Amino acid sequence: MKTTKKGIYWRNGNLVIDHFVEGVRIYRTLDGNTNMKLAERVLAKMVNEVVEGTYFPGKSKSSLTVWDVLKDYKDQKIDPKIRRYEAEGLVRKVRQLKNLKYPMNQLADYFGKMPVHELNHSVLEVRKEKRMSERTRTGKLVGGRSVNVEFGLLNRALNWAVKATKKLRENPIKGFVKAEENEPSKRAFAEDEWLRFYDALSPRHKDLFLVIYESGARPSEILDLERGWVDLFKRQIHLPARITKTLKSRSIPMSDE
């Protein structure tokens, strides 16, 4: 019997699940056409069923729903972050997190009552197809980016249930396939275009756009800029990790302008 991955083996040409979880042996011979990715999802589902029974003794397998997981993530991860950013005056960070309310509601409406052990990649594919056939308030079809925001939020909530609350042993949608997104249009100003744009700005906006143009920083980073991050002696702007998109601090040299 050749081991392929932990808990999954090849036996007589078939993939076999043979694994111990919480002292319970889970065993299953899979169909000959089953590939490794599907075998991993089956294993994750079986592990979740055992672990859920351990953490919720006397309750049915369906006791832990997708909404339970989403609510834990909101109450224990998102809301404390919002309060912290509000205390630090990071308005745009607060707005970004509060904007998760819409995708959270979309997930809750569709998946909310579903037991977590029924969640898998196939279920996501059905949801992806249905969601991308719907239309926005402006009449446009829902795009791949919107779907990926929703699935990404669900994935993070499930990871939280695995790592933080310990209510799940495995994330059943780990490695899900993202929806295809259209490339955003990107365009750089030529020097003469920038000058015409700058001249057309109102006086109250000129300084703001000049700093964005000269530094190459994201608008949100400049809008959250604090006086203490600007070193006039070294001629540098230091951006702390907590306000950057990559969560990595960096320093930007200041130009003469």
C-alpha atoms as a PDB file:
ATOM      1  CA  MET A   1       0.000   0.000   0.000  1.00  0.00           C
ATOM      2  CA  LYS A   2       1.661   3.209  -1.212  1.00  0.00           C
ATOM      3  CA  THR A   3       1.092   6.422   0.762  1.00  0.00           C
ATOM      4  CA  THR A   4       0.154   9.380  -1.439  1.00  0.00           C
ATOM      5  CA  LYS A   5      -0.718  11.998   1.166  1.00  0.00           C
ATOM      6  CA  LYS A   6      -1.315  11.802   4.891  1.00  0.00           C
ATOM      7  CA  GLY A   7      -4.409   9.654   5.342  1.00  0.00           C
ATOM      8  CA  ILE A   8      -4.736   8.810   1.621  1.00  0.00           C
ATOM      9  CA  TYR A   9      -3.244   5.686   0.034  1.00  0.00           C
ATOM     10  CA  TRP A  10      -3.166   3.769  -3.236  1.00  0.00           C
ATOM     11  CA  ARG A  11      -4.477   0.228  -2.905  1.00  0.00           C
ATOM     12  CA  ASN A  12      -5.207  -2.094  -5.867  1.00  0.00           C
ATOM     13  CA  GLY A  13      -5.468   0.864  -8.221  1.00  0.00           C
ATOM     14  CA  ASN A  14      -7.906   2.816  -6.030  1.00  0.00           C
ATOM     15  CA  LEU A  15      -7.428   5.682  -3.604  1.00  0.00           C
ATOM     16  CA  VAL A  16      -8.207   4.690  -0.031  1.00  0.00           C
ATOM     17  CA  ILE A  17      -8.805   6.953   2.976  1.00  0.00           C
ATOM     18  CA  ASP A  18      -7.437   5.454   6.180  1.00  0.00           C
ATOM     19  CA  HIS A  19      -6.901   7.960   8.973  1.00  0.00           C
ATOM     20  CA  PHE A  20      -7.344   8.456  12.728  1.00  0.00           C
ATOM     21  CA  VAL A  21      -9.050  11.615  14.033  1.00  0.00           C
ATOM     22  CA  GLU A  22      -9.711  12.238  17.740  1.00  0.00           C
ATOM     23  CA  GLY A  23      -9.077   8.524  18.294  1.00  0.00           C
ATOM     24  CA  VAL A  24     -11.675   7.563  15.676  1.00  0.00           C
ATOM     25  CA  ARG A  25     -10.649   5.628  12.553  1.00  0.00           C
ATOM     26  CA  ILE A  26     -12.133   6.853   9.291  1.00  0.00           C
ATOM     27  CA  TYR A  27     -11.891   4.460   6.377  1.00  0.00           C
ATOM     28  CA  ARG A  28     -13.270   4.568   2.859  1.00  0.00           C
ATOM     29  CA  THR A  29     -12.357   3.105  -0.543  1.00  0.00           C
ATOM     30  CA  LEU A  30     -13.009   5.658  -3.274  1.00  0.00           C
ATOM     31  CA  ASP A  31     -14.231   5.103  -6.798  1.00  0.00           C
ATOM     32  CA  GLY A  32     -11.532   4.248  -9.327  1.00  0.00           C
ATOM     33  CA  ASN A  33     -12.094   7.526 -11.197  1.00  0.00           C
ATOM     34  CA  THR A  34     -11.531   9.671  -8.088  1.00  0.00           C
ATOM     35  CA  ASN A  35      -8.576  12.059  -8.401  1.00  0.00           C
ATOM     36  CA  MET A  36      -6.353  13.297  -5.592  1.00  0.00           C
ATOM     37  CA  LYS A  37      -8.071  16.684  -5.181  1.00  0.00           C
ATOM     38  CA  LEU A  38     -11.468  15.053  -4.755  1.00  0.00           C
ATOM     39  CA  ALA A  39      -9.977  12.511  -2.331  1.00  0.00           C
ATOM     40  CA  GLU A  40      -8.590  15.364  -0.215  1.00  0.00           C
ATOM     41  CA  ARG A  41     -12.023  17.010  -0.112  1.00  0.00           C
ATOM     42  CA  VAL A  42     -13.678  13.742   0.908  1.00  0.00           C
ATOM     43  CA  LEU A  43     -11.085  13.306   3.660  1.00  0.00           C
ATOM     44  CA  ALA A  44     -11.654  16.886   4.877  1.00  0.00           C
ATOM     45  CA  LYS A  45     -15.411  16.293   5.015  1.00  0.00           C
ATOM     46  CA  MET A  46     -15.017  13.045   6.968  1.00  0.00           C
ATOM     47  CA  VAL A  47     -12.583  14.689   9.395  1.00  0.00           C
ATOM     48  CA  ASN A  48     -15.011  17.584   9.938  1.00  0.00           C
ATOM     49  CA  GLU A  49     -17.844  15.166  10.713  1.00  0.00           C
ATOM     50  CA  VAL A  50     -15.773  13.430  13.382  1.00  0.00           C
ATOM     51  CA  VAL A  51     -14.460  16.662  14.909  1.00  0.00           C
ATOM     52  CA  GLU A  52     -17.909  18.258  14.895  1.00  0.00           C
ATOM     53  CA  GLY A  53     -19.256  15.280  16.776  1.00  0.00           C
ATOM     54  CA  THR A  54     -16.441  15.722  19.320  1.00  0.00           C
ATOM     55  CA  TYR A  55     -17.075  19.430  19.876  1.00  0.00           C
ATOM     56  CA  PHE A  56     -20.866  19.139  19.794  1.00  0.00           C
ATOM     57  CA  PRO A  57     -21.649  15.862  21.569  1.00  0.00           C
ATOM     58  CA  GLY A  58     -25.272  14.808  21.493  1.00  0.00           C
ATOM     59  CA  LYS A  59     -26.078  17.088  18.550  1.00  0.00           C
ATOM     60  CA  SER A  60     -26.611  16.111  14.931  1.00  0.00           C
ATOM     61  CA  LYS A  61     -23.910  16.429  12.313  1.00  0.00           C
ATOM     62  CA  SER A  62     -25.676  19.486  10.952  1.00  0.00           C
ATOM     63  CA  SER A  63     -25.299  21.468  14.194  1.00  0.00           C
ATOM     64  CA  LEU A  64     -22.495  23.685  12.855  1.00  0.00           C
ATOM     65  CA  THR A  65     -23.788  25.788   9.953  1.00  0.00           C
ATOM     66  CA  VAL A  66     -21.995  28.119   7.577  1.00  0.00           C
ATOM     67  CA  TRP A  67     -23.697  31.027   9.351  1.00  0.00           C
ATOM     68  CA  ASP A  68     -22.249  29.871  12.689  1.00  0.00           C
ATOM     69  CA  VAL A  69     -18.781  30.087  11.146  1.00  0.00           C
ATOM     70  CA  LEU A  70     -19.425  33.462   9.493  1.00  0.00           C
ATOM     71  CA  LYS A  71     -20.840  34.953  12.708  1.00  0.00           C
ATOM     72  CA  ASP A  72     -17.846  33.774  14.750  1.00  0.00           C
ATOM     73  CA  TYR A  73     -15.494  35.379  12.229  1.00  0.00           C
ATOM     74  CA  LYS A  74     -17.456  38.642  12.254  1.00  0.00           C
ATOM     75  CA  ASP A  75     -17.754  38.829  16.048  1.00  0.00           C
ATOM     76  CA  GLN A  76     -14.216  37.739  16.883  1.00  0.00           C
ATOM     77  CA  LYS A  77     -12.139  39.030  13.965  1.00  0.00           C
ATOM     78  CA  ILE A  78     -13.830  41.750  11.904  1.00  0.00           C
ATOM     79  CA  ASP A  79     -15.637  43.743  14.621  1.00  0.00           C
ATOM     80  CA  PRO A  80     -12.569  44.030  16.940  1.00  0.00           C
ATOM     81  CA  LYS A  81     -10.530  45.233  13.948  1.00  0.00           C
ATOM     82  CA  ILE A  82     -13.130  47.875  13.162  1.00  0.00           C
ATOM     83  CA  ARG A  83     -13.030  49.138  16.750  1.00  0.00           C
ATOM     84  CA  ARG A  84      -9.227  49.238  16.714  1.00  0.00           C
ATOM     85  CA  TYR A  85      -9.051  51.112  13.411  1.00  0.00           C
ATOM     86  CA  GLU A  86     -11.720  53.553  14.603  1.00  0.00           C
ATOM     87  CA  ALA A  87      -9.620  54.270  17.699  1.00  0.00           C
ATOM     88  CA  GLU A  88      -6.576  54.846  15.484  1.00  0.00           C
ATOM     89  CA  GLY A  89      -8.500  57.140  13.140  1.00  0.00           C
ATOM     90  CA  LEU A  90      -7.979  54.918  10.077  1.00  0.00           C
ATOM     91  CA  VAL A  91     -11.231  55.872   8.383  1.00  0.00           C
ATOM     92  CA  ARG A  92     -10.585  54.092   5.095  1.00  0.00           C
ATOM     93  CA  LYS A  93      -9.610  50.845   6.823  1.00  0.00           C
ATOM     94  CA  VAL A  94     -12.849  51.028   8.802  1.00  0.00           C
ATOM     95  CA  ARG A  95     -14.830  51.596   5.616  1.00  0.00           C
ATOM     96  CA  GLN A  96     -13.161  48.627   3.882  1.00  0.00           C
ATOM     97  CA  LEU A  97     -14.142  46.285   6.707  1.00  0.00           C
ATOM     98  CA  LYS A  98     -17.678  47.661   6.971  1.00  0.00           C
ATOM     99  CA  ASN A  99     -18.048  47.109   3.219  1.00  0.00           C
ATOM    100  CA  LEU A 100     -17.753  43.363   3.916  1.00  0.00           C
ATOM    101  CA  LYS A 101     -21.336  43.503   5.179  1.00  0.00           C
ATOM    102  CA  TYR A 102     -22.721  43.078   1.648  1.00  0.00           C
ATOM    103  CA  PRO A 103     -20.720  39.941   0.679  1.00  0.00           C
ATOM    104  CA  MET A 104     -21.367  38.581   4.190  1.00  0.00           C
ATOM    105  CA  ASN A 105     -25.105  38.951   3.611  1.00  0.00           C
ATOM    106  CA  GLN A 106     -24.835  37.308   0.190  1.00  0.00           C
ATOM    107  CA  LEU A 107     -23.076  34.308   1.762  1.00  0.00           C
ATOM    108  CA  ALA A 108     -25.558  34.130   4.626  1.00  0.00           C
ATOM    109  CA  ASP A 109     -28.569  34.237   2.278  1.00  0.00           C
ATOM    110  CA  TYR A 110     -27.275  31.389   0.128  1.00  0.00           C
ATOM    111  CA  PHE A 111     -25.169  29.207   2.442  1.00  0.00           C
ATOM    112  CA  GLY A 112     -26.353  30.303   5.904  1.00  0.00           C
ATOM    113  CA  LYS A 113     -28.394  27.278   6.964  1.00  0.00           C
ATOM    114  CA  MET A 114     -26.134  24.774   5.184  1.00  0.00           C
ATOM    115  CA  PRO A 115     -24.218  22.392   7.489  1.00  0.00           C
ATOM    116  CA  VAL A 116     -20.492  22.955   7.081  1.00  0.00           C
ATOM    117  CA  HIS A 117     -19.890  19.262   6.373  1.00  0.00           C
ATOM    118  CA  GLU A 118     -21.976  19.633   3.173  1.00  0.00           C
ATOM    119  CA  LEU A 119     -19.782  22.458   1.887  1.00  0.00           C
ATOM    120  CA  ASN A 120     -17.297  21.488  -0.858  1.00  0.00           C
ATOM    121  CA  HIS A 121     -15.804  22.680  -4.152  1.00  0.00           C
ATOM    122  CA  SER A 122     -18.740  21.384  -6.199  1.00  0.00           C
ATOM    123  CA  VAL A 123     -21.168  23.440  -4.109  1.00  0.00           C
ATOM    124  CA  LEU A 124     -19.018  26.530  -4.738  1.00  0.00           C
ATOM    125  CA  GLU A 125     -19.041  25.893  -8.489  1.00  0.00           C
ATOM    126  CA  VAL A 126     -22.855  25.772  -8.484  1.00  0.00           C
ATOM    127  CA  ARG A 127     -22.968  29.013  -6.496  1.00  0.00           C
ATOM    128  CA  LYS A 128     -20.389  30.646  -8.799  1.00  0.00           C
ATOM    129  CA  GLU A 129     -22.472  29.850 -11.901  1.00  0.00           C
ATOM    130  CA  LYS A 130     -25.695  31.068 -10.287  1.00  0.00           C
ATOM    131  CA  ARG A 131     -24.133  34.243  -8.902  1.00  0.00           C
ATOM    132  CA  MET A 132     -22.550  35.218 -12.227  1.00  0.00           C
ATOM    133  CA  SER A 133     -25.939  34.866 -13.937  1.00  0.00           C
ATOM    134  CA  GLU A 134     -27.415  37.503 -11.604  1.00  0.00           C
ATOM    135  CA  ARG A 135     -27.396  41.235 -12.282  1.00  0.00           C
ATOM    136  CA  THR A 136     -26.275  44.178 -10.205  1.00  0.00           C
ATOM    137  CA  ARG A 137     -28.466  47.177  -9.383  1.00  0.00           C
ATOM    138  CA  THR A 138     -27.160  48.878 -12.527  1.00  0.00           C
ATOM    139  CA  GLY A 139     -28.219  45.942 -14.698  1.00  0.00           C
ATOM    140  CA  LYS A 140     -24.755  44.510 -15.333  1.00  0.00           C
ATOM    141  CA  LEU A 141     -23.925  40.845 -14.801  1.00  0.00           C
ATOM    142  CA  VAL A 142     -22.161  40.112 -11.515  1.00  0.00           C
ATOM    143  CA  GLY A 143     -18.437  39.899 -12.246  1.00  0.00           C
ATOM    144  CA  GLY A 144     -15.793  37.412 -11.208  1.00  0.00           C
ATOM    145  CA  ARG A 145     -14.248  39.867  -8.753  1.00  0.00           C
ATOM    146  CA  SER A 146     -17.485  40.091  -6.729  1.00  0.00           C
ATOM    147  CA  VAL A 147     -17.703  36.303  -6.567  1.00  0.00           C
ATOM    148  CA  ASN A 148     -14.063  36.044  -5.485  1.00  0.00           C
ATOM    149  CA  VAL A 149     -14.591  38.620  -2.734  1.00  0.00           C
ATOM    150  CA  GLU A 150     -17.466  36.512  -1.367  1.00  0.00           C
ATOM    151  CA  PHE A 151     -15.616  33.189  -1.642  1.00  0.00           C
ATOM    152  CA  GLY A 152     -12.456  34.746  -0.187  1.00  0.00           C
ATOM    153  CA  LEU A 153     -14.424  35.959   2.827  1.00  0.00           C
ATOM    154  CA  LEU A 154     -15.956  32.504   3.291  1.00  0.00           C
ATOM    155  CA  ASN A 155     -12.513  30.893   2.987  1.00  0.00           C
ATOM    156  CA  ARG A 156     -11.042  33.217   5.652  1.00  0.00           C
ATOM    157  CA  ALA A 157     -13.969  32.521   7.983  1.00  0.00           C
ATOM    158  CA  LEU A 158     -13.473  28.757   7.617  1.00  0.00           C
ATOM    159  CA  ASN A 159      -9.729  29.124   8.245  1.00  0.00           C
ATOM    160  CA  TRP A 160     -10.613  31.081  11.392  1.00  0.00           C
ATOM    161  CA  ALA A 161     -12.826  28.179  12.507  1.00  0.00           C
ATOM    162  CA  VAL A 162      -9.872  25.831  11.992  1.00  0.00           C
ATOM    163  CA  LYS A 163      -7.083  27.910  13.569  1.00  0.00           C
ATOM    164  CA  ALA A 164      -8.798  30.132  16.143  1.00  0.00           C
ATOM    165  CA  THR A 165     -12.049  28.633  17.383  1.00  0.00           C
ATOM    166  CA  LYS A 166     -10.979  24.998  16.689  1.00  0.00           C
ATOM    167  CA  LYS A 167     -14.542  24.152  15.651  1.00  0.00           C
ATOM    168  CA  LEU A 168     -13.253  22.643  12.400  1.00  0.00           C
ATOM    169  CA  ARG A 169     -10.266  20.423  11.757  1.00  0.00           C
ATOM    170  CA  GLU A 170     -10.107  21.123   8.019  1.00  0.00           C
ATOM    171  CA  ASN A 171     -11.285  23.853   5.665  1.00  0.00           C
ATOM    172  CA  PRO A 172     -13.590  22.021   3.183  1.00  0.00           C
ATOM    173  CA  ILE A 173     -13.060  24.600   0.398  1.00  0.00           C
ATOM    174  CA  LYS A 174      -9.300  24.989   0.793  1.00  0.00           C
ATOM    175  CA  GLY A 175      -7.703  25.598  -2.609  1.00  0.00           C
ATOM    176  CA  PHE A 176     -10.994  26.580  -4.274  1.00  0.00           C
ATOM    177  CA  VAL A 177     -10.789  27.713  -7.898  1.00  0.00           C
ATOM    178  CA  LYS A 178     -11.367  31.444  -8.251  1.00  0.00           C
ATOM    179  CA  ALA A 179     -13.705  32.921 -10.835  1.00  0.00           C
ATOM    180  CA  GLU A 180     -12.022  34.526 -13.827  1.00  0.00           C
ATOM    181  CA  GLU A 181     -11.720  38.287 -13.493  1.00  0.00           C
ATOM    182  CA  ASN A 182     -11.409  40.853 -16.250  1.00  0.00           C
ATOM    183  CA  GLU A 183      -8.133  42.717 -16.125  1.00  0.00           C
ATOM    184  CA  PRO A 184      -8.691  46.253 -14.834  1.00  0.00           C
ATOM    185  CA  SER A 185      -7.778  48.935 -17.338  1.00  0.00           C
ATOM    186  CA  LYS A 186      -4.512  50.608 -16.397  1.00  0.00           C
ATOM    187  CA  ARG A 187      -3.220  53.807 -17.876  1.00  0.00           C
ATOM    188  CA  ALA A 188      -0.284  56.021 -16.985  1.00  0.00           C
ATOM    189  CA  PHE A 189      -0.244  59.772 -17.507  1.00  0.00           C
ATOM    190  CA  ALA A 190       2.196  61.142 -20.048  1.00  0.00           C
ATOM    191  CA  GLU A 191       3.983  64.262 -18.759  1.00  0.00           C
ATOM    192  CA  ASP A 192       1.855  66.675 -20.788  1.00  0.00           C
ATOM    193  CA  GLU A 193      -1.359  64.870 -19.738  1.00  0.00           C
ATOM    194  CA  TRP A 194      -0.378  65.076 -16.086  1.00  0.00           C
ATOM    195  CA  LEU A 195       0.295  68.807 -16.360  1.00  0.00           C
ATOM    196  CA  ARG A 196      -3.102  69.432 -17.983  1.00  0.00           C
ATOM    197  CA  PHE A 197      -4.805  67.325 -15.299  1.00  0.00           C
ATOM    198  CA  TYR A 198      -2.910  69.115 -12.506  1.00  0.00           C
ATOM    199  CA  ASP A 199      -3.757  72.570 -13.894  1.00  0.00           C
ATOM    200  CA  ALA A 200      -7.439  71.638 -14.031  1.00  0.00           C
ATOM    201  CA  LEU A 201      -7.578  70.591 -10.361  1.00  0.00           C
ATOM    202  CA  SER A 202      -9.146  72.812  -7.741  1.00  0.00           C
ATOM    203  CA  PRO A 203      -6.569  74.449  -5.420  1.00  0.00           C
ATOM    204  CA  ARG A 204      -7.719  72.320  -2.445  1.00  0.00           C
ATOM    205  CA  HIS A 205      -6.830  69.116  -4.316  1.00  0.00           C
ATOM    206  CA  LYS A 206      -3.515  70.078  -5.934  1.00  0.00           C
ATOM    207  CA  ASP A 207      -1.265  69.139  -2.995  1.00  0.00           C
ATOM    208  CA  LEU A 208      -3.000  65.799  -2.516  1.00  0.00           C
ATOM    209  CA  PHE A 209      -2.633  64.703  -6.150  1.00  0.00           C
ATOM    210  CA  LEU A 210       0.926  66.010  -6.358  1.00  0.00           C
ATOM    211  CA  VAL A 211       1.981  63.792  -3.448  1.00  0.00           C
ATOM    212  CA  ILE A 212       0.210  60.757  -4.960  1.00  0.00           C
ATOM    213  CA  TYR A 213       1.805  61.392  -8.374  1.00  0.00           C
ATOM    214  CA  GLU A 214       5.322  62.028  -7.089  1.00  0.00           C
ATOM    215  CA  SER A 215       5.394  59.250  -4.458  1.00  0.00           C
ATOM    216  CA  GLY A 216       3.662  56.457  -6.383  1.00  0.00           C
ATOM    217  CA  ALA A 217       1.818  55.589  -3.162  1.00  0.00           C
ATOM    218  CA  ARG A 218      -1.780  54.407  -3.093  1.00  0.00           C
ATOM    219  CA  PRO A 219      -4.359  57.165  -2.503  1.00  0.00           C
ATOM    220  CA  SER A 220      -5.532  55.483   0.718  1.00  0.00           C
ATOM    221  CA  GLU A 221      -1.948  55.531   2.058  1.00  0.00           C
ATOM    222  CA  ILE A 222      -1.593  59.255   1.416  1.00  0.00           C
ATOM    223  CA  LEU A 223      -5.059  60.014   2.795  1.00  0.00           C
ATOM    224  CA  ASP A 224      -4.111  58.217   6.035  1.00  0.00           C
ATOM    225  CA  LEU A 225      -0.704  59.927   6.214  1.00  0.00           C
ATOM    226  CA  GLU A 226       0.322  61.299   9.622  1.00  0.00           C
ATOM    227  CA  ARG A 227       2.830  64.090  10.284  1.00  0.00           C
ATOM    228  CA  GLY A 228       5.080  61.813  12.338  1.00  0.00           C
ATOM    229  CA  TRP A 229       5.715  59.562   9.330  1.00  0.00           C
ATOM    230  CA  VAL A 230       7.330  62.351   7.324  1.00  0.00           C
ATOM    231  CA  ASP A 231      11.077  62.816   7.939  1.00  0.00           C
ATOM    232  CA  LEU A 232      12.090  66.136   6.398  1.00  0.00           C
ATOM    233  CA  PHE A 233      15.740  65.646   7.425  1.00  0.00           C
ATOM    234  CA  LYS A 234      16.104  62.296   5.653  1.00  0.00           C
ATOM    235  CA  ARG A 235      13.580  63.391   2.994  1.00  0.00           C
ATOM    236  CA  GLN A 236      11.544  60.222   3.390  1.00  0.00           C
ATOM    237  CA  ILE A 237       7.933  59.247   3.982  1.00  0.00           C
ATOM    238  CA  HIS A 238       7.626  56.132   6.138  1.00  0.00           C
ATOM    239  CA  LEU A 239       4.437  54.104   5.716  1.00  0.00           C
ATOM    240  CA  PRO A 240       3.763  51.660   8.599  1.00  0.00           C
ATOM    241  CA  ALA A 241       2.610  48.139   7.778  1.00  0.00           C
ATOM    242  CA  ARG A 242      -0.847  48.611   9.296  1.00  0.00           C
ATOM    243  CA  ILE A 243      -1.982  51.047   6.566  1.00  0.00           C
ATOM    244  CA  THR A 244      -0.458  49.364   3.496  1.00  0.00           C
ATOM    245  CA  LYS A 245      -2.297  46.897   1.274  1.00  0.00           C
ATOM    246  CA  THR A 246       0.559  44.373   1.524  1.00  0.00           C
ATOM    247  CA  LEU A 247       0.840  44.829   5.330  1.00  0.00           C
ATOM    248  CA  LYS A 248       4.546  45.569   4.891  1.00  0.00           C
ATOM    249  CA  SER A 249       6.095  48.869   5.905  1.00  0.00           C
ATOM    250  CA  ARG A 250       8.111  50.847   3.379  1.00  0.00           C
ATOM    251  CA  SER A 251       9.872  54.183   2.984  1.00  0.00           C
ATOM    252  CA  ILE A 252       9.375  56.508   0.015  1.00  0.00           C
ATOM    253  CA  PRO A 253      11.990  59.115  -0.945  1.00  0.00           C
ATOM    254  CA  MET A 254      10.661  62.648  -1.256  1.00  0.00           C
ATOM    255  CA  SER A 255      11.207  64.506  -4.520  1.00  0.00           C
ATOM    256  CA  ASP A 256      11.877  68.252  -4.774  1.00  0.00           C
ATOM    257  CA  GLU A 257       8.254  68.816  -5.760  1.00  0.00           C
END
